[in-house]
Protein backbone atom coordinates (compact mmCIF):
# COMPACT_ATOMS: atom_id res chain seq x y z
CA MET A 1 11.18 14.50 -3.92
CA GLU A 2 13.28 11.64 -2.65
CA HIS A 3 14.62 8.97 -4.98
CA HIS A 4 14.96 5.46 -3.70
CA GLY A 5 16.77 2.83 -5.73
CA SER A 6 17.58 -0.71 -4.70
CA ASP A 7 17.69 -1.73 -1.06
CA ASN A 8 21.31 -1.98 0.08
CA GLN A 9 20.68 -1.67 3.84
CA HIS A 10 19.09 -4.79 5.28
CA PRO A 11 18.36 -4.58 9.01
CA LYS A 12 17.82 -7.95 10.65
CA PRO A 13 14.17 -8.87 9.94
CA LEU A 14 11.79 -8.98 12.89
CA THR A 15 10.88 -12.37 14.32
CA ALA A 16 7.31 -13.72 14.29
CA GLU A 17 7.04 -12.89 18.00
CA GLN A 18 8.21 -9.29 17.46
CA LEU A 19 5.76 -8.88 14.60
CA LEU A 20 2.81 -10.19 16.65
CA ASP A 21 3.81 -7.90 19.53
CA GLY A 22 3.62 -4.94 17.14
CA LEU A 23 0.11 -5.71 15.90
CA ASP A 24 -1.60 -3.93 18.82
CA ALA A 25 -0.51 -0.57 17.38
CA VAL A 26 -1.68 -1.64 13.90
CA ARG A 27 -5.11 -2.59 15.27
CA GLU A 28 -5.42 0.90 16.79
CA ALA A 29 -5.37 2.59 13.35
CA PRO A 30 -8.44 4.80 12.86
CA ARG A 31 -11.47 3.14 11.23
CA ASP A 32 -12.28 6.45 9.50
CA GLY A 33 -10.67 9.87 9.37
CA GLY A 34 -7.18 8.46 8.83
CA VAL A 35 -4.28 10.25 7.14
CA VAL A 36 -2.19 9.80 4.01
CA ALA A 37 1.26 9.15 5.50
CA LEU A 38 3.34 8.62 2.36
CA ILE A 39 2.89 8.75 -1.41
CA VAL A 40 5.31 6.68 -3.46
CA ARG A 41 5.59 6.71 -7.22
CA ARG A 42 7.36 3.88 -9.07
CA PRO A 43 8.73 5.33 -12.33
CA GLY A 44 10.51 2.07 -13.21
CA VAL A 45 11.22 -1.37 -11.85
CA ASP A 46 12.69 -1.16 -8.32
CA GLN A 47 12.64 2.67 -8.49
CA ARG A 48 10.82 4.76 -5.88
CA GLU A 49 10.02 8.47 -5.66
CA VAL A 50 8.54 9.75 -2.43
CA ILE A 51 6.35 12.71 -3.40
CA GLU A 52 4.43 15.26 -1.32
CA SER A 53 1.46 15.32 -3.70
CA GLY A 54 0.31 13.30 -6.66
CA GLU A 55 -2.42 13.23 -9.24
CA LEU A 56 -4.76 10.24 -9.27
CA SER A 57 -6.21 9.47 -12.69
CA GLU A 58 -8.91 6.99 -13.72
CA GLU A 59 -6.72 6.01 -16.71
CA GLU A 60 -3.24 5.99 -15.12
CA GLY A 61 -3.73 5.42 -11.40
CA LEU A 62 -1.01 7.58 -9.79
CA VAL A 63 0.25 9.77 -12.62
CA GLY A 64 3.94 9.04 -13.29
CA ASP A 65 3.75 5.58 -11.73
CA ASN A 66 4.53 2.59 -13.94
CA TRP A 67 1.27 0.71 -13.20
CA LYS A 68 0.01 1.27 -16.76
CA ASP A 69 3.20 -0.30 -18.16
CA ARG A 70 3.20 -3.37 -15.89
CA PRO A 71 1.97 -6.62 -17.37
CA SER A 72 -0.47 -8.72 -15.36
CA SER A 73 -0.97 -12.46 -15.50
CA ARG A 74 -4.52 -11.84 -14.20
CA THR A 75 -5.77 -10.10 -17.38
CA SER A 76 -6.76 -11.79 -20.62
CA ASP A 77 -4.51 -9.53 -22.73
CA GLY A 78 -1.60 -9.42 -20.24
CA GLY A 79 -2.05 -5.67 -19.80
CA PRO A 80 -2.23 -3.77 -16.51
CA HIS A 81 -5.01 -4.95 -14.21
CA PRO A 82 -7.73 -2.27 -13.92
CA LEU A 83 -8.61 -3.36 -10.36
CA MET A 84 -4.98 -3.14 -9.21
CA GLN A 85 -4.20 0.50 -10.15
CA LEU A 86 -3.19 1.41 -6.61
CA ASN A 87 -1.67 -0.53 -3.74
CA VAL A 88 -2.66 0.87 -0.36
CA MET A 89 -0.84 -0.21 2.81
CA ASN A 90 -1.22 0.50 6.53
CA SER A 91 1.54 2.86 7.70
CA ARG A 92 1.71 1.36 11.19
CA PHE A 93 2.43 -2.13 9.91
CA LEU A 94 4.88 -0.84 7.31
CA GLU A 95 6.77 1.17 9.96
CA LEU A 96 6.99 -2.02 12.03
CA ILE A 97 8.44 -4.25 9.29
CA ALA A 98 10.59 -1.57 7.60
CA GLN A 99 12.18 -0.64 10.96
CA SER A 100 13.09 2.83 9.65
CA SER A 101 11.21 5.50 7.74
CA ASP A 102 13.74 5.56 4.90
CA ARG A 103 12.92 1.92 4.06
CA MET A 104 9.12 2.36 3.88
CA ALA A 105 9.10 3.21 0.16
CA LEU A 106 10.60 -0.22 -0.57
CA ALA A 107 7.21 -1.87 -0.06
CA GLY A 108 6.23 -0.59 -3.51
CA ASP A 109 2.75 0.56 -2.46
CA GLN A 110 1.76 3.96 -3.80
CA LEU A 111 -0.41 5.06 -0.87
CA ILE A 112 0.74 4.45 2.70
CA VAL A 113 -2.09 5.36 5.07
CA ASP A 114 -2.83 5.49 8.77
CA LEU A 115 -6.19 3.73 8.44
CA ASP A 116 -7.69 0.37 9.40
CA LEU A 117 -7.56 -1.57 6.13
CA SER A 118 -9.06 -4.75 7.59
CA GLU A 119 -11.67 -6.63 5.57
CA GLU A 120 -14.15 -5.96 8.36
CA ASN A 121 -13.64 -2.19 8.17
CA LEU A 122 -13.15 -1.84 4.39
CA PRO A 123 -14.67 -4.74 2.47
CA PRO A 124 -14.26 -4.75 -1.34
CA GLY A 125 -16.43 -2.04 -2.86
CA SER A 126 -15.71 0.42 -0.02
CA ARG A 127 -14.88 3.91 -1.24
CA LEU A 128 -12.46 6.37 0.29
CA ARG A 129 -12.16 10.12 -0.25
CA LEU A 130 -8.58 11.45 0.01
CA GLY A 131 -7.75 14.93 -1.15
CA ASP A 132 -9.85 15.68 -4.24
CA ALA A 133 -9.85 12.05 -5.31
CA GLU A 134 -11.97 9.02 -4.56
CA ILE A 135 -10.80 5.42 -4.71
CA GLU A 136 -12.55 2.08 -4.40
CA ILE A 137 -11.15 -0.98 -2.64
CA THR A 138 -11.28 -3.93 -5.04
CA ASP A 139 -11.51 -7.66 -4.41
CA GLU A 140 -8.15 -8.42 -6.01
CA PRO A 141 -5.90 -9.83 -3.27
CA HIS A 142 -2.62 -8.08 -2.46
CA GLN A 143 -0.07 -10.63 -1.25
CA GLY A 144 3.55 -10.68 -0.20
CA CYS A 145 5.95 -11.75 -2.96
CA ALA A 146 9.62 -12.78 -3.16
CA LYS A 147 10.79 -9.12 -3.12
CA PHE A 148 8.67 -8.47 -0.04
CA THR A 149 10.32 -11.46 1.69
CA GLN A 150 13.79 -10.27 0.67
CA ARG A 151 13.16 -6.76 2.02
CA PHE A 152 11.19 -7.50 5.19
CA GLY A 153 11.89 -11.15 6.09
CA ARG A 154 10.34 -14.57 5.90
CA ASP A 155 8.31 -14.14 9.10
CA ALA A 156 6.73 -10.93 7.78
CA HIS A 157 5.87 -12.75 4.55
CA ARG A 158 4.26 -15.62 6.47
CA LEU A 159 2.29 -13.22 8.63
CA VAL A 160 0.83 -11.13 5.78
CA ASN A 161 -0.30 -14.28 3.96
CA SER A 162 -1.71 -15.97 7.11
CA ASP A 163 -5.42 -15.99 7.94
CA LEU A 164 -4.81 -13.19 10.46
CA GLY A 165 -2.72 -11.20 8.02
CA ARG A 166 -5.35 -11.49 5.28
CA ALA A 167 -8.18 -10.53 7.67
CA LEU A 168 -6.26 -7.39 8.70
CA ASN A 169 -5.02 -6.83 5.12
CA LEU A 170 -1.50 -6.36 6.50
CA ARG A 171 0.03 -6.53 3.02
CA GLY A 172 -2.46 -3.91 1.96
CA VAL A 173 -5.32 -3.72 -0.48
CA ASN A 174 -5.71 -3.07 -4.17
CA ALA A 175 -7.80 -0.12 -5.29
CA ARG A 176 -8.90 1.73 -8.39
CA VAL A 177 -9.42 5.44 -8.98
CA VAL A 178 -13.11 6.36 -9.17
CA THR A 179 -12.77 10.16 -9.18
CA ALA A 180 -9.58 11.82 -10.36
CA GLY A 181 -7.92 14.43 -8.19
CA THR A 182 -4.91 15.55 -6.19
CA VAL A 183 -3.80 13.72 -3.06
CA ARG A 184 -1.22 15.11 -0.63
CA THR A 185 0.73 13.76 2.31
CA GLY A 186 -1.27 14.65 5.40
CA ASP A 187 -4.66 14.59 3.65
CA ARG A 188 -7.49 13.15 5.73
CA ILE A 189 -9.13 9.96 4.47
CA HIS A 190 -12.85 9.47 4.86
CA LYS A 191 -15.15 6.60 4.01
CA VAL A 192 -17.75 7.48 1.40
CA GLU A 193 -21.09 6.05 2.54
């Protein structure tokens, strides 16, 4: 298990042109039968643990992650948002913006996958089987924030929040656990019809 704290190494962020040039590889991600590339648990604020396997729970999301302790401005009681248990991000896009594998955990998404996360391929309500678990893509938007901009650059932030970025879900998608189970790095991901 790797521990990742704050980001001290800042490579020069990619330009808008470099980001757009890299999107061809992102668009080639499999529409089904993808792979879990990375599992990242966030035990505390700005803390990251890269784990080989994790338990997904209907009550906790990724067990050991701090989702259940995070307040949300989108809920009436300020508690954790049930439709935002998991953040799922495309590994090809994250590799592009992170510029090195050791910076990928900084995105803060728990599941990094080699899979087409576009709205066209996985509209809200789509279900995915990974390992023993099943998750459902929700309609809660996942957008780039100030920390995302700080880590990956202003042009990356603009791109993920653009019409194109939202159509491709470059910043990722939110999901909830439907069926609890174990997920491992390298597990195949399949759409549940």
